[in-house]
Structures are given as structure tokens and as C-alpha cells.
Amino acid sequence: MAIEWVLTAEDVARIRFAFSPLWELVASVRTLQDPARQSIHLPWIKAVRTRLPDLSELVELVPREGYIADFITPPPDTPLPDFREELARVRRTPPEQAIAEIEKLPGLERFRADPVAGVQRVADTLETYWQGCFAEYWPRIYSLLERDVLRRSRQLAEGGAQELFGSLDPAVVWTGERLLIDRPHCNREALGGEGVLLVPSAFYWPAVAVMSMPYQATVIYPVQGVGTLWEQGPPPAPDALASLIGRSRAQILLALGEPATTSSLARRVELTPGAVSQHLAVLTGSGLTVGIRDGKRVLYRRTSMGNALSGVPG
């Protein structure tokens, strides 16, 4: 069985990529329920298991397999969505939409009784879960997703849709006018010129997920290189480092696993570019980071002293 999307030339021209911190967060709920399925994420599971909030209602929306309630994973509407913006979209979910979507799921009696409160309660849980178990690891996940998108974008530019979809995943097949996706349900749909959104995922890996009408046609595909994500274990908990140099500077230092510009760092750590620039000035003055000019850009990276303070070899 397969999903079949009929793509016009306009659809092909509107293929785009995006990241979704919310999608990774939601997918990680499934990882927690079935660690054996994604043993590659065990370092992260071990690091966060003692600080997990009550996820019981969220688990009902994100069962171990099968359908996940779509309203908690809206397709990104910008290439680099901010988690808080994505969460705000969840909070704006009409109650009738939420009820219609959870009809496919068992349980959730409390949610069904008051969907308005249910949507807000689930959003609160997602926010608490993000802050306590995910936000500090997002810069590392973001870097992996970013590398994948840059690689795929070059494929699309150089070899077109054929090369892009040919390497995306065995479950995705491009015929030249139709995109076939091997999923356990079947439908045929013309996209009407809206294009296809491609979202790499580390926590849904190694599977492929699909969202379609009434949402933007979206393929969530397994990111390449996921085996490197926790090579050195999860990033050190920032508390000790934060007490030494300040929480924001600790976040910035830990986020510099790869060279980055001020604006890129600002997106990763959810600070303004101005604030990041001020913190980088202090970190650079202390010998923990260094700025290297690359054309019109300045890329910052950790120095050997910065690596040592961050607990990173090298």
C-alpha cells in the first residue's frame, strides 16, 4: 500500500526543506516508550529519565506505533521555526479539529470531555518537557539536521527531483510525475501547486512519516548521520558550567560544536543576535571562543580551552 501524490511542474518547483524542533520533541515521546526501537538514542534517554514530567496524556496522543495526532505536529511554516512559535500554533488548535483527529486514538476521555482545556494542557506538557529534557540538546540535533538539509539542497540543485528522491529513503519513490510513499494506508492526491515540504528527523529515524490534506503535503524522512549524534554522549548538563560562566554563555559554548555565525547561534539558543554578540565578546575575550572571517561572515568556534571547559575532547 502506498500514498500517491501527483506533482505538477509547479509542485516540483516548490519543493522546500524545514526543521521542526516540535516534531523532534513529539517523536522523542515514542522513543521513550520503546527504547529498543531506537537504541541509538539511549545516551539521551539515560540523561533525561530522572527529570521527565508526567507524559501520560501525551503518550496517548503519541502511541508506540501508528497514527500521531496531527495537531501537535503542524508542518513548519518557515524553514527555521522557533519552538515557541510552533507551540503557539498548537495552542491555537480549534477544539473541533483536535476532537476530529483524536477519534483515531483510544482513551483520552479527559481530553474529549473538554478539548479546549485539553489542547492547552497538552501544550503546557510539551513546553515543560522541552525545557526540562530537550532544549539543551537541541543545538546538537539542529546541527545534524542542518547538515542534512544543506546536502539535500545541493542534490536538488544539481540533480533535480530524481536525484533528491532517489536518495531520500527506500520508502520514497519518484516516477517523474508521481511521488509514491510506502505507508500502511493508501490514497491518491493532487497537490495543486502547493509543493512538498521535506523535514529531516533524528528521533523519527529510521522510519518515514507523511502528513497531507488538510495540512501541507509533508514527508518526514530519516536524517543521515544519526549515528554520530551521541558519539561523545549527550552534551554535559549545563548547570555546573552555567554556575561558572552564566547560563546563556554556557548554552552558547555548548552550541558551538561546529563553527557558526552569530545569527545561527541566536536561532539555536533562542536569544537575540545582539545578546549572543555580547556573550561571544566575553567568551572570545576569555579565550574560550575565536571568530574567523569567512568572506562577509564571521564564524565562531570553541578554542581548545573552550573544548576542555565544555567537556569535549580536542
C-alpha atoms as a PDB file:
ATOM      1  CA  MET A   1       0.000   0.000   0.000  1.00  0.00           C
ATOM      2  CA  ALA A   2       1.246   3.484  -0.732  1.00  0.00           C
ATOM      3  CA  ILE A   3       0.394   7.133  -0.711  1.00  0.00           C
ATOM      4  CA  GLU A   4       0.469   8.580  -4.218  1.00  0.00           C
ATOM      5  CA  TRP A   5       0.965  12.291  -4.776  1.00  0.00           C
ATOM      6  CA  VAL A   6       0.638  13.670  -8.283  1.00  0.00           C
ATOM      7  CA  LEU A   7       3.127  16.516  -8.699  1.00  0.00           C
ATOM      8  CA  THR A   8       2.879  19.200 -11.345  1.00  0.00           C
ATOM      9  CA  ALA A   9       5.891  21.201 -12.535  1.00  0.00           C
ATOM     10  CA  GLU A  10       4.805  23.897 -10.083  1.00  0.00           C
ATOM     11  CA  ASP A  11       4.811  21.386  -7.209  1.00  0.00           C
ATOM     12  CA  VAL A  12       8.336  20.247  -8.106  1.00  0.00           C
ATOM     13  CA  ALA A  13       9.481  23.861  -8.262  1.00  0.00           C
ATOM     14  CA  ARG A  14       8.092  24.403  -4.746  1.00  0.00           C
ATOM     15  CA  ILE A  15       9.891  21.546  -3.002  1.00  0.00           C
ATOM     16  CA  ARG A  16      11.341  23.005   0.182  1.00  0.00           C
ATOM     17  CA  PHE A  17      13.032  21.919   3.384  1.00  0.00           C
ATOM     18  CA  ALA A  18      12.425  22.858   7.004  1.00  0.00           C
ATOM     19  CA  PHE A  19      13.445  21.831  10.513  1.00  0.00           C
ATOM     20  CA  SER A  20      10.960  21.287  13.321  1.00  0.00           C
ATOM     21  CA  PRO A  21      12.014  21.273  16.973  1.00  0.00           C
ATOM     22  CA  LEU A  22       8.420  20.419  17.863  1.00  0.00           C
ATOM     23  CA  TRP A  23       8.403  17.379  15.584  1.00  0.00           C
ATOM     24  CA  GLU A  24      11.628  16.090  17.172  1.00  0.00           C
ATOM     25  CA  LEU A  25      10.192  16.645  20.641  1.00  0.00           C
ATOM     26  CA  VAL A  26       6.969  14.775  19.834  1.00  0.00           C
ATOM     27  CA  ALA A  27       8.829  11.929  18.108  1.00  0.00           C
ATOM     28  CA  SER A  28      11.040  11.545  21.176  1.00  0.00           C
ATOM     29  CA  VAL A  29       7.937  10.609  23.212  1.00  0.00           C
ATOM     30  CA  ARG A  30       7.737   7.464  21.093  1.00  0.00           C
ATOM     31  CA  THR A  31      11.461   6.881  21.637  1.00  0.00           C
ATOM     32  CA  LEU A  32      10.926   6.936  25.405  1.00  0.00           C
ATOM     33  CA  GLN A  33       8.156   4.328  25.121  1.00  0.00           C
ATOM     34  CA  ASP A  34      10.210   1.913  23.027  1.00  0.00           C
ATOM     35  CA  PRO A  35      13.955   2.483  23.599  1.00  0.00           C
ATOM     36  CA  ALA A  36      14.860  -0.771  21.843  1.00  0.00           C
ATOM     37  CA  ARG A  37      13.439   0.584  18.572  1.00  0.00           C
ATOM     38  CA  GLN A  38      15.940   3.434  18.653  1.00  0.00           C
ATOM     39  CA  SER A  39      18.772   2.235  20.854  1.00  0.00           C
ATOM     40  CA  ILE A  40      20.945   4.860  19.193  1.00  0.00           C
ATOM     41  CA  HIS A  41      19.252   7.432  21.466  1.00  0.00           C
ATOM     42  CA  LEU A  42      19.954   5.562  24.723  1.00  0.00           C
ATOM     43  CA  PRO A  43      22.561   8.150  25.873  1.00  0.00           C
ATOM     44  CA  TRP A  44      19.866  10.815  25.736  1.00  0.00           C
ATOM     45  CA  ILE A  45      17.275   8.577  27.436  1.00  0.00           C
ATOM     46  CA  LYS A  46      19.650   7.846  30.305  1.00  0.00           C
ATOM     47  CA  ALA A  47      20.413  11.552  30.692  1.00  0.00           C
ATOM     48  CA  VAL A  48      16.772  12.696  30.949  1.00  0.00           C
ATOM     49  CA  ARG A  49      14.884   9.782  32.504  1.00  0.00           C
ATOM     50  CA  THR A  50      15.084  11.197  36.051  1.00  0.00           C
ATOM     51  CA  ARG A  51      13.623  14.570  35.071  1.00  0.00           C
ATOM     52  CA  LEU A  52      10.709  13.533  32.894  1.00  0.00           C
ATOM     53  CA  PRO A  53       7.394  15.297  33.601  1.00  0.00           C
ATOM     54  CA  ASP A  54       4.075  13.457  33.588  1.00  0.00           C
ATOM     55  CA  LEU A  55       3.685  12.475  29.934  1.00  0.00           C
ATOM     56  CA  SER A  56       0.666  10.165  30.325  1.00  0.00           C
ATOM     57  CA  GLU A  57      -1.755  12.239  28.231  1.00  0.00           C
ATOM     58  CA  LEU A  58       0.921  12.992  25.644  1.00  0.00           C
ATOM     59  CA  VAL A  59       1.672   9.278  25.350  1.00  0.00           C
ATOM     60  CA  GLU A  60      -1.970   8.678  24.420  1.00  0.00           C
ATOM     61  CA  LEU A  61      -1.561  11.205  21.594  1.00  0.00           C
ATOM     62  CA  VAL A  62       1.750   9.643  20.558  1.00  0.00           C
ATOM     63  CA  PRO A  63       1.336   5.849  20.814  1.00  0.00           C
ATOM     64  CA  ARG A  64       4.239   3.463  20.252  1.00  0.00           C
ATOM     65  CA  GLU A  65       3.246   2.944  16.642  1.00  0.00           C
ATOM     66  CA  GLY A  66       0.725   4.156  14.135  1.00  0.00           C
ATOM     67  CA  TYR A  67      -1.052   7.477  13.996  1.00  0.00           C
ATOM     68  CA  ILE A  68       0.138  10.540  15.946  1.00  0.00           C
ATOM     69  CA  ALA A  69      -2.406  13.325  16.495  1.00  0.00           C
ATOM     70  CA  ASP A  70      -1.586  15.799  13.729  1.00  0.00           C
ATOM     71  CA  PHE A  71      -2.385  18.964  15.667  1.00  0.00           C
ATOM     72  CA  ILE A  72       0.678  18.509  17.888  1.00  0.00           C
ATOM     73  CA  THR A  73       2.972  18.261  14.836  1.00  0.00           C
ATOM     74  CA  PRO A  74       1.834  21.008  12.426  1.00  0.00           C
ATOM     75  CA  PRO A  75       4.112  21.187   9.359  1.00  0.00           C
ATOM     76  CA  PRO A  76       6.645  24.012   9.773  1.00  0.00           C
ATOM     77  CA  ASP A  77       5.503  27.204   8.062  1.00  0.00           C
ATOM     78  CA  THR A  78       9.036  28.656   7.921  1.00  0.00           C
ATOM     79  CA  PRO A  79      12.388  26.971   7.137  1.00  0.00           C
ATOM     80  CA  LEU A  80      13.712  27.579  10.663  1.00  0.00           C
ATOM     81  CA  PRO A  81      10.746  27.626  13.038  1.00  0.00           C
ATOM     82  CA  ASP A  82      11.203  28.659  16.625  1.00  0.00           C
ATOM     83  CA  PHE A  83       9.908  26.159  19.184  1.00  0.00           C
ATOM     84  CA  ARG A  84       7.832  28.807  20.902  1.00  0.00           C
ATOM     85  CA  GLU A  85       6.198  29.767  17.601  1.00  0.00           C
ATOM     86  CA  GLU A  86       5.396  26.127  16.853  1.00  0.00           C
ATOM     87  CA  LEU A  87       3.949  25.680  20.333  1.00  0.00           C
ATOM     88  CA  ALA A  88       1.791  28.771  19.839  1.00  0.00           C
ATOM     89  CA  ARG A  89       0.315  27.103  16.740  1.00  0.00           C
ATOM     90  CA  VAL A  90      -0.573  24.067  18.852  1.00  0.00           C
ATOM     91  CA  ARG A  91      -2.284  26.310  21.399  1.00  0.00           C
ATOM     92  CA  ARG A  92      -4.387  27.856  18.602  1.00  0.00           C
ATOM     93  CA  THR A  93      -5.757  24.471  17.507  1.00  0.00           C
ATOM     94  CA  PRO A  94      -9.570  24.699  17.173  1.00  0.00           C
ATOM     95  CA  PRO A  95     -11.182  22.231  19.619  1.00  0.00           C
ATOM     96  CA  GLU A  96     -13.276  20.658  16.861  1.00  0.00           C
ATOM     97  CA  GLN A  97     -10.107  19.910  14.889  1.00  0.00           C
ATOM     98  CA  ALA A  98      -8.444  18.279  17.889  1.00  0.00           C
ATOM     99  CA  ILE A  99     -11.528  16.152  18.578  1.00  0.00           C
ATOM    100  CA  ALA A 100     -11.738  15.032  14.960  1.00  0.00           C
ATOM    101  CA  GLU A 101      -8.093  13.963  14.976  1.00  0.00           C
ATOM    102  CA  ILE A 102      -8.137  12.044  18.244  1.00  0.00           C
ATOM    103  CA  GLU A 103     -11.084   9.971  17.010  1.00  0.00           C
ATOM    104  CA  LYS A 104      -8.406   7.702  15.555  1.00  0.00           C
ATOM    105  CA  LEU A 105      -6.917   7.120  19.029  1.00  0.00           C
ATOM    106  CA  PRO A 106      -8.192   5.171  22.059  1.00  0.00           C
ATOM    107  CA  GLY A 107      -8.508   6.637  25.535  1.00  0.00           C
ATOM    108  CA  LEU A 108      -8.174  10.407  26.032  1.00  0.00           C
ATOM    109  CA  GLU A 109     -11.524  10.610  27.878  1.00  0.00           C
ATOM    110  CA  ARG A 110     -10.452  13.689  29.844  1.00  0.00           C
ATOM    111  CA  PHE A 111      -9.373  15.406  26.629  1.00  0.00           C
ATOM    112  CA  ARG A 112     -12.652  14.537  24.875  1.00  0.00           C
ATOM    113  CA  ALA A 113     -14.669  15.932  27.761  1.00  0.00           C
ATOM    114  CA  ASP A 114     -13.062  19.380  27.424  1.00  0.00           C
ATOM    115  CA  PRO A 115     -10.953  19.750  24.268  1.00  0.00           C
ATOM    116  CA  VAL A 116     -10.295  23.465  24.857  1.00  0.00           C
ATOM    117  CA  ALA A 117      -8.619  22.715  28.178  1.00  0.00           C
ATOM    118  CA  GLY A 118      -7.083  19.575  26.686  1.00  0.00           C
ATOM    119  CA  VAL A 119      -5.237  21.473  23.961  1.00  0.00           C
ATOM    120  CA  GLN A 120      -3.798  23.938  26.483  1.00  0.00           C
ATOM    121  CA  ARG A 121      -2.870  21.149  28.896  1.00  0.00           C
ATOM    122  CA  VAL A 122      -1.032  19.208  26.201  1.00  0.00           C
ATOM    123  CA  ALA A 123       0.773  22.378  25.084  1.00  0.00           C
ATOM    124  CA  ASP A 124       1.834  23.022  28.691  1.00  0.00           C
ATOM    125  CA  THR A 125       3.193  19.480  28.930  1.00  0.00           C
ATOM    126  CA  LEU A 126       5.135  19.906  25.686  1.00  0.00           C
ATOM    127  CA  GLU A 127       6.625  23.142  26.996  1.00  0.00           C
ATOM    128  CA  THR A 128       7.654  21.592  30.310  1.00  0.00           C
ATOM    129  CA  TYR A 129       9.112  18.556  28.558  1.00  0.00           C
ATOM    130  CA  TRP A 130      11.058  20.784  26.143  1.00  0.00           C
ATOM    131  CA  GLN A 131      12.534  22.943  28.884  1.00  0.00           C
ATOM    132  CA  GLY A 132      13.491  20.068  31.161  1.00  0.00           C
ATOM    133  CA  CYS A 133      14.607  17.366  28.747  1.00  0.00           C
ATOM    134  CA  PHE A 134      15.188  18.691  25.248  1.00  0.00           C
ATOM    135  CA  ALA A 135      16.170  22.346  24.910  1.00  0.00           C
ATOM    136  CA  GLU A 136      19.786  21.847  25.982  1.00  0.00           C
ATOM    137  CA  TYR A 137      20.216  19.095  23.373  1.00  0.00           C
ATOM    138  CA  TRP A 138      18.522  20.924  20.523  1.00  0.00           C
ATOM    139  CA  PRO A 139      21.706  22.695  19.271  1.00  0.00           C
ATOM    140  CA  ARG A 140      23.353  19.319  18.648  1.00  0.00           C
ATOM    141  CA  ILE A 141      20.246  17.916  16.935  1.00  0.00           C
ATOM    142  CA  TYR A 142      19.853  21.131  14.931  1.00  0.00           C
ATOM    143  CA  SER A 143      23.421  20.872  13.621  1.00  0.00           C
ATOM    144  CA  LEU A 144      22.795  17.344  12.368  1.00  0.00           C
ATOM    145  CA  LEU A 145      19.552  18.346  10.637  1.00  0.00           C
ATOM    146  CA  GLU A 146      21.177  21.441   9.151  1.00  0.00           C
ATOM    147  CA  ARG A 147      23.991  19.411   7.572  1.00  0.00           C
ATOM    148  CA  ASP A 148      21.453  17.044   6.055  1.00  0.00           C
ATOM    149  CA  VAL A 149      19.379  19.841   4.540  1.00  0.00           C
ATOM    150  CA  LEU A 150      22.446  21.505   3.033  1.00  0.00           C
ATOM    151  CA  ARG A 151      23.426  18.184   1.442  1.00  0.00           C
ATOM    152  CA  ARG A 152      19.920  17.542   0.116  1.00  0.00           C
ATOM    153  CA  SER A 153      19.584  21.083  -1.214  1.00  0.00           C
ATOM    154  CA  ARG A 154      22.743  20.603  -3.258  1.00  0.00           C
ATOM    155  CA  GLN A 155      21.343  17.330  -4.594  1.00  0.00           C
ATOM    156  CA  LEU A 156      18.148  19.071  -5.675  1.00  0.00           C
ATOM    157  CA  ALA A 157      20.061  21.919  -7.316  1.00  0.00           C
ATOM    158  CA  GLU A 158      22.483  19.628  -9.151  1.00  0.00           C
ATOM    159  CA  GLY A 159      20.398  16.567  -9.991  1.00  0.00           C
ATOM    160  CA  GLY A 160      16.797  17.679  -9.658  1.00  0.00           C
ATOM    161  CA  ALA A 161      13.925  15.779  -8.069  1.00  0.00           C
ATOM    162  CA  GLN A 162      15.141  12.445  -9.442  1.00  0.00           C
ATOM    163  CA  GLU A 163      18.424  12.568  -7.527  1.00  0.00           C
ATOM    164  CA  LEU A 164      16.847  14.033  -4.406  1.00  0.00           C
ATOM    165  CA  PHE A 165      14.053  11.499  -4.007  1.00  0.00           C
ATOM    166  CA  GLY A 166      16.261   8.650  -5.215  1.00  0.00           C
ATOM    167  CA  SER A 167      18.452   9.046  -2.144  1.00  0.00           C
ATOM    168  CA  LEU A 168      15.869  10.144   0.414  1.00  0.00           C
ATOM    169  CA  ASP A 169      14.696   6.722   1.624  1.00  0.00           C
ATOM    170  CA  PRO A 170      13.754   3.372   0.013  1.00  0.00           C
ATOM    171  CA  ALA A 171      10.141   4.021   1.063  1.00  0.00           C
ATOM    172  CA  VAL A 172      10.007   7.098  -1.203  1.00  0.00           C
ATOM    173  CA  VAL A 173       9.887   6.581  -4.989  1.00  0.00           C
ATOM    174  CA  TRP A 174       9.744   9.298  -7.665  1.00  0.00           C
ATOM    175  CA  THR A 175       8.360   8.256 -11.066  1.00  0.00           C
ATOM    176  CA  GLY A 176       8.828  11.576 -12.824  1.00  0.00           C
ATOM    177  CA  GLU A 177       5.310  12.826 -12.149  1.00  0.00           C
ATOM    178  CA  ARG A 178       4.187  10.915  -9.065  1.00  0.00           C
ATOM    179  CA  LEU A 179       5.677  10.581  -5.605  1.00  0.00           C
ATOM    180  CA  LEU A 180       4.950   7.168  -4.070  1.00  0.00           C
ATOM    181  CA  ILE A 181       5.452   6.726  -0.328  1.00  0.00           C
ATOM    182  CA  ASP A 182       5.261   3.260   1.198  1.00  0.00           C
ATOM    183  CA  ARG A 183       2.945   3.732   4.153  1.00  0.00           C
ATOM    184  CA  PRO A 184       0.261   1.435   5.682  1.00  0.00           C
ATOM    185  CA  HIS A 185      -2.605   3.356   4.075  1.00  0.00           C
ATOM    186  CA  CYS A 186      -3.473   4.247   0.521  1.00  0.00           C
ATOM    187  CA  ASN A 187      -4.672   7.424  -1.122  1.00  0.00           C
ATOM    188  CA  ARG A 188      -4.137   9.361  -4.337  1.00  0.00           C
ATOM    189  CA  GLU A 189      -3.950  13.126  -4.173  1.00  0.00           C
ATOM    190  CA  ALA A 190      -3.084  16.008  -6.482  1.00  0.00           C
ATOM    191  CA  LEU A 191      -1.154  18.685  -4.613  1.00  0.00           C
ATOM    192  CA  GLY A 192      -2.468  21.607  -6.629  1.00  0.00           C
ATOM    193  CA  GLY A 193       0.782  23.510  -6.899  1.00  0.00           C
ATOM    194  CA  GLU A 194       1.442  23.819  -3.159  1.00  0.00           C
ATOM    195  CA  GLY A 195       4.593  21.704  -3.416  1.00  0.00           C
ATOM    196  CA  VAL A 196       6.133  19.263  -0.965  1.00  0.00           C
ATOM    197  CA  LEU A 197       7.741  20.021   2.381  1.00  0.00           C
ATOM    198  CA  LEU A 198      10.663  17.777   3.377  1.00  0.00           C
ATOM    199  CA  VAL A 199      11.555  17.579   7.071  1.00  0.00           C
ATOM    200  CA  PRO A 200      14.565  15.546   8.287  1.00  0.00           C
ATOM    201  CA  SER A 201      14.188  13.820  11.643  1.00  0.00           C
ATOM    202  CA  ALA A 202      16.610  12.232  14.081  1.00  0.00           C
ATOM    203  CA  PHE A 203      14.008  10.946  16.530  1.00  0.00           C
ATOM    204  CA  TYR A 204      11.567   9.506  13.992  1.00  0.00           C
ATOM    205  CA  TRP A 205      14.530   7.762  12.337  1.00  0.00           C
ATOM    206  CA  PRO A 206      14.647   5.239  10.679  1.00  0.00           C
ATOM    207  CA  ALA A 207      11.004   5.494   9.568  1.00  0.00           C
ATOM    208  CA  VAL A 208       9.224   7.821   7.159  1.00  0.00           C
ATOM    209  CA  ALA A 209       6.101   9.770   8.122  1.00  0.00           C
ATOM    210  CA  VAL A 210       3.640  11.661   5.959  1.00  0.00           C
ATOM    211  CA  MET A 211       1.184  14.490   6.500  1.00  0.00           C
ATOM    212  CA  SER A 212      -1.304  15.537   3.832  1.00  0.00           C
ATOM    213  CA  MET A 213      -4.694  17.221   3.421  1.00  0.00           C
ATOM    214  CA  PRO A 214      -5.787  19.407   5.109  1.00  0.00           C
ATOM    215  CA  TYR A 215      -2.154  20.075   6.027  1.00  0.00           C
ATOM    216  CA  GLN A 216       0.718  20.958   3.722  1.00  0.00           C
ATOM    217  CA  ALA A 217       1.968  17.811   1.958  1.00  0.00           C
ATOM    218  CA  THR A 218       4.943  16.822   4.129  1.00  0.00           C
ATOM    219  CA  VAL A 219       7.420  13.966   4.176  1.00  0.00           C
ATOM    220  CA  ILE A 220       9.343  13.434   7.412  1.00  0.00           C
ATOM    221  CA  TYR A 221      12.394  11.413   6.426  1.00  0.00           C
ATOM    222  CA  PRO A 222      15.294   9.862   8.402  1.00  0.00           C
ATOM    223  CA  VAL A 223      18.270  12.183   8.695  1.00  0.00           C
ATOM    224  CA  GLN A 224      21.638  10.915   7.501  1.00  0.00           C
ATOM    225  CA  GLY A 225      24.448  10.558  10.021  1.00  0.00           C
ATOM    226  CA  VAL A 226      22.214   9.963  13.037  1.00  0.00           C
ATOM    227  CA  GLY A 227      24.841   7.531  14.328  1.00  0.00           C
ATOM    228  CA  THR A 228      27.115  10.500  15.079  1.00  0.00           C
ATOM    229  CA  LEU A 229      24.550  12.364  17.176  1.00  0.00           C
ATOM    230  CA  TRP A 230      25.599  10.963  20.551  1.00  0.00           C
ATOM    231  CA  GLU A 231      29.135   9.833  19.668  1.00  0.00           C
ATOM    232  CA  GLN A 232      30.580  11.620  22.685  1.00  0.00           C
ATOM    233  CA  GLY A 233      27.498  11.045  24.798  1.00  0.00           C
ATOM    234  CA  PRO A 234      24.897  13.744  25.343  1.00  0.00           C
ATOM    235  CA  PRO A 235      26.176  17.267  25.953  1.00  0.00           C
ATOM    236  CA  PRO A 236      27.110  17.795  29.601  1.00  0.00           C
ATOM    237  CA  ALA A 237      24.330  19.112  31.772  1.00  0.00           C
ATOM    238  CA  PRO A 238      24.783  22.886  31.670  1.00  0.00           C
ATOM    239  CA  ASP A 239      24.152  23.522  35.359  1.00  0.00           C
ATOM    240  CA  ALA A 240      27.754  23.311  36.572  1.00  0.00           C
ATOM    241  CA  LEU A 241      29.075  25.236  33.592  1.00  0.00           C
ATOM    242  CA  ALA A 242      26.274  27.785  33.945  1.00  0.00           C
ATOM    243  CA  SER A 243      27.179  28.435  37.571  1.00  0.00           C
ATOM    244  CA  LEU A 244      30.717  29.200  36.430  1.00  0.00           C
ATOM    245  CA  ILE A 245      30.175  31.412  33.365  1.00  0.00           C
ATOM    246  CA  GLY A 246      26.414  32.067  33.291  1.00  0.00           C
ATOM    247  CA  ARG A 247      23.610  30.045  31.706  1.00  0.00           C
ATOM    248  CA  SER A 248      23.403  31.911  28.399  1.00  0.00           C
ATOM    249  CA  ARG A 249      27.157  31.771  27.855  1.00  0.00           C
ATOM    250  CA  ALA A 250      27.157  28.084  28.770  1.00  0.00           C
ATOM    251  CA  GLN A 251      24.422  27.428  26.199  1.00  0.00           C
ATOM    252  CA  ILE A 252      26.371  29.300  23.534  1.00  0.00           C
ATOM    253  CA  LEU A 253      29.602  27.470  24.325  1.00  0.00           C
ATOM    254  CA  LEU A 254      27.887  24.078  24.199  1.00  0.00           C
ATOM    255  CA  ALA A 255      26.129  25.031  20.960  1.00  0.00           C
ATOM    256  CA  LEU A 256      29.442  25.654  19.215  1.00  0.00           C
ATOM    257  CA  GLY A 257      30.008  22.001  18.378  1.00  0.00           C
ATOM    258  CA  GLU A 258      30.526  23.307  14.846  1.00  0.00           C
ATOM    259  CA  PRO A 259      31.531  26.815  13.717  1.00  0.00           C
ATOM    260  CA  ALA A 260      28.529  29.125  13.493  1.00  0.00           C
ATOM    261  CA  THR A 261      27.625  32.731  12.822  1.00  0.00           C
ATOM    262  CA  THR A 262      26.050  34.987  15.416  1.00  0.00           C
ATOM    263  CA  SER A 263      22.627  34.760  13.752  1.00  0.00           C
ATOM    264  CA  SER A 264      22.815  30.965  13.508  1.00  0.00           C
ATOM    265  CA  LEU A 265      23.742  30.719  17.181  1.00  0.00           C
ATOM    266  CA  ALA A 266      20.876  33.044  18.082  1.00  0.00           C
ATOM    267  CA  ARG A 267      18.408  30.639  16.471  1.00  0.00           C
ATOM    268  CA  ARG A 268      19.955  27.628  18.171  1.00  0.00           C
ATOM    269  CA  VAL A 269      19.927  29.028  21.699  1.00  0.00           C
ATOM    270  CA  GLU A 270      16.810  31.190  21.292  1.00  0.00           C
ATOM    271  CA  LEU A 271      18.467  34.501  22.164  1.00  0.00           C
ATOM    272  CA  THR A 272      18.581  37.724  20.189  1.00  0.00           C
ATOM    273  CA  PRO A 273      21.595  38.238  17.881  1.00  0.00           C
ATOM    274  CA  GLY A 274      22.556  41.269  19.958  1.00  0.00           C
ATOM    275  CA  ALA A 275      22.639  39.245  23.173  1.00  0.00           C
ATOM    276  CA  VAL A 276      24.627  36.453  21.507  1.00  0.00           C
ATOM    277  CA  SER A 277      27.108  39.003  20.159  1.00  0.00           C
ATOM    278  CA  GLN A 278      27.670  40.416  23.658  1.00  0.00           C
ATOM    279  CA  HIS A 279      28.192  36.965  25.165  1.00  0.00           C
ATOM    280  CA  LEU A 280      30.564  35.973  22.356  1.00  0.00           C
ATOM    281  CA  ALA A 281      32.647  39.072  23.054  1.00  0.00           C
ATOM    282  CA  VAL A 282      33.101  37.892  26.647  1.00  0.00           C
ATOM    283  CA  LEU A 283      33.782  34.272  25.632  1.00  0.00           C
ATOM    284  CA  THR A 284      36.302  35.372  22.993  1.00  0.00           C
ATOM    285  CA  GLY A 285      37.971  37.768  25.399  1.00  0.00           C
ATOM    286  CA  SER A 286      38.328  34.891  27.855  1.00  0.00           C
ATOM    287  CA  GLY A 287      39.979  32.664  25.261  1.00  0.00           C
ATOM    288  CA  LEU A 288      37.063  30.198  25.093  1.00  0.00           C
ATOM    289  CA  THR A 289      35.944  31.033  21.541  1.00  0.00           C
ATOM    290  CA  VAL A 290      37.512  32.610  18.494  1.00  0.00           C
ATOM    291  CA  GLY A 291      35.997  34.347  15.472  1.00  0.00           C
ATOM    292  CA  ILE A 292      37.250  33.530  11.973  1.00  0.00           C
ATOM    293  CA  ARG A 293      36.275  35.667   8.978  1.00  0.00           C
ATOM    294  CA  ASP A 294      34.808  33.744   6.041  1.00  0.00           C
ATOM    295  CA  GLY A 295      34.047  36.246   3.289  1.00  0.00           C
ATOM    296  CA  LYS A 296      31.433  38.598   4.683  1.00  0.00           C
ATOM    297  CA  ARG A 297      30.652  36.277   7.594  1.00  0.00           C
ATOM    298  CA  VAL A 298      32.392  35.716  10.911  1.00  0.00           C
ATOM    299  CA  LEU A 299      32.265  32.110  12.097  1.00  0.00           C
ATOM    300  CA  TYR A 300      32.805  31.393  15.780  1.00  0.00           C
ATOM    301  CA  ARG A 301      34.209  28.177  17.166  1.00  0.00           C
ATOM    302  CA  ARG A 302      35.425  26.890  20.507  1.00  0.00           C
ATOM    303  CA  THR A 303      39.121  27.041  21.286  1.00  0.00           C
ATOM    304  CA  SER A 304      40.924  24.097  22.891  1.00  0.00           C
ATOM    305  CA  MET A 305      40.304  25.800  26.233  1.00  0.00           C
ATOM    306  CA  GLY A 306      36.609  26.108  25.370  1.00  0.00           C
ATOM    307  CA  ASN A 307      36.502  22.407  24.453  1.00  0.00           C
ATOM    308  CA  ALA A 308      38.115  21.468  27.757  1.00  0.00           C
ATOM    309  CA  LEU A 309      35.632  23.569  29.736  1.00  0.00           C
ATOM    310  CA  SER A 310      32.742  22.048  27.793  1.00  0.00           C
ATOM    311  CA  GLY A 311      33.941  18.510  28.443  1.00  0.00           C
ATOM    312  CA  VAL A 312      34.630  17.866  24.755  1.00  0.00           C
ATOM    313  CA  PRO A 313      37.839  16.084  23.694  1.00  0.00           C
ATOM    314  CA  GLY A 314      40.164  18.010  21.401  1.00  0.00           C
END
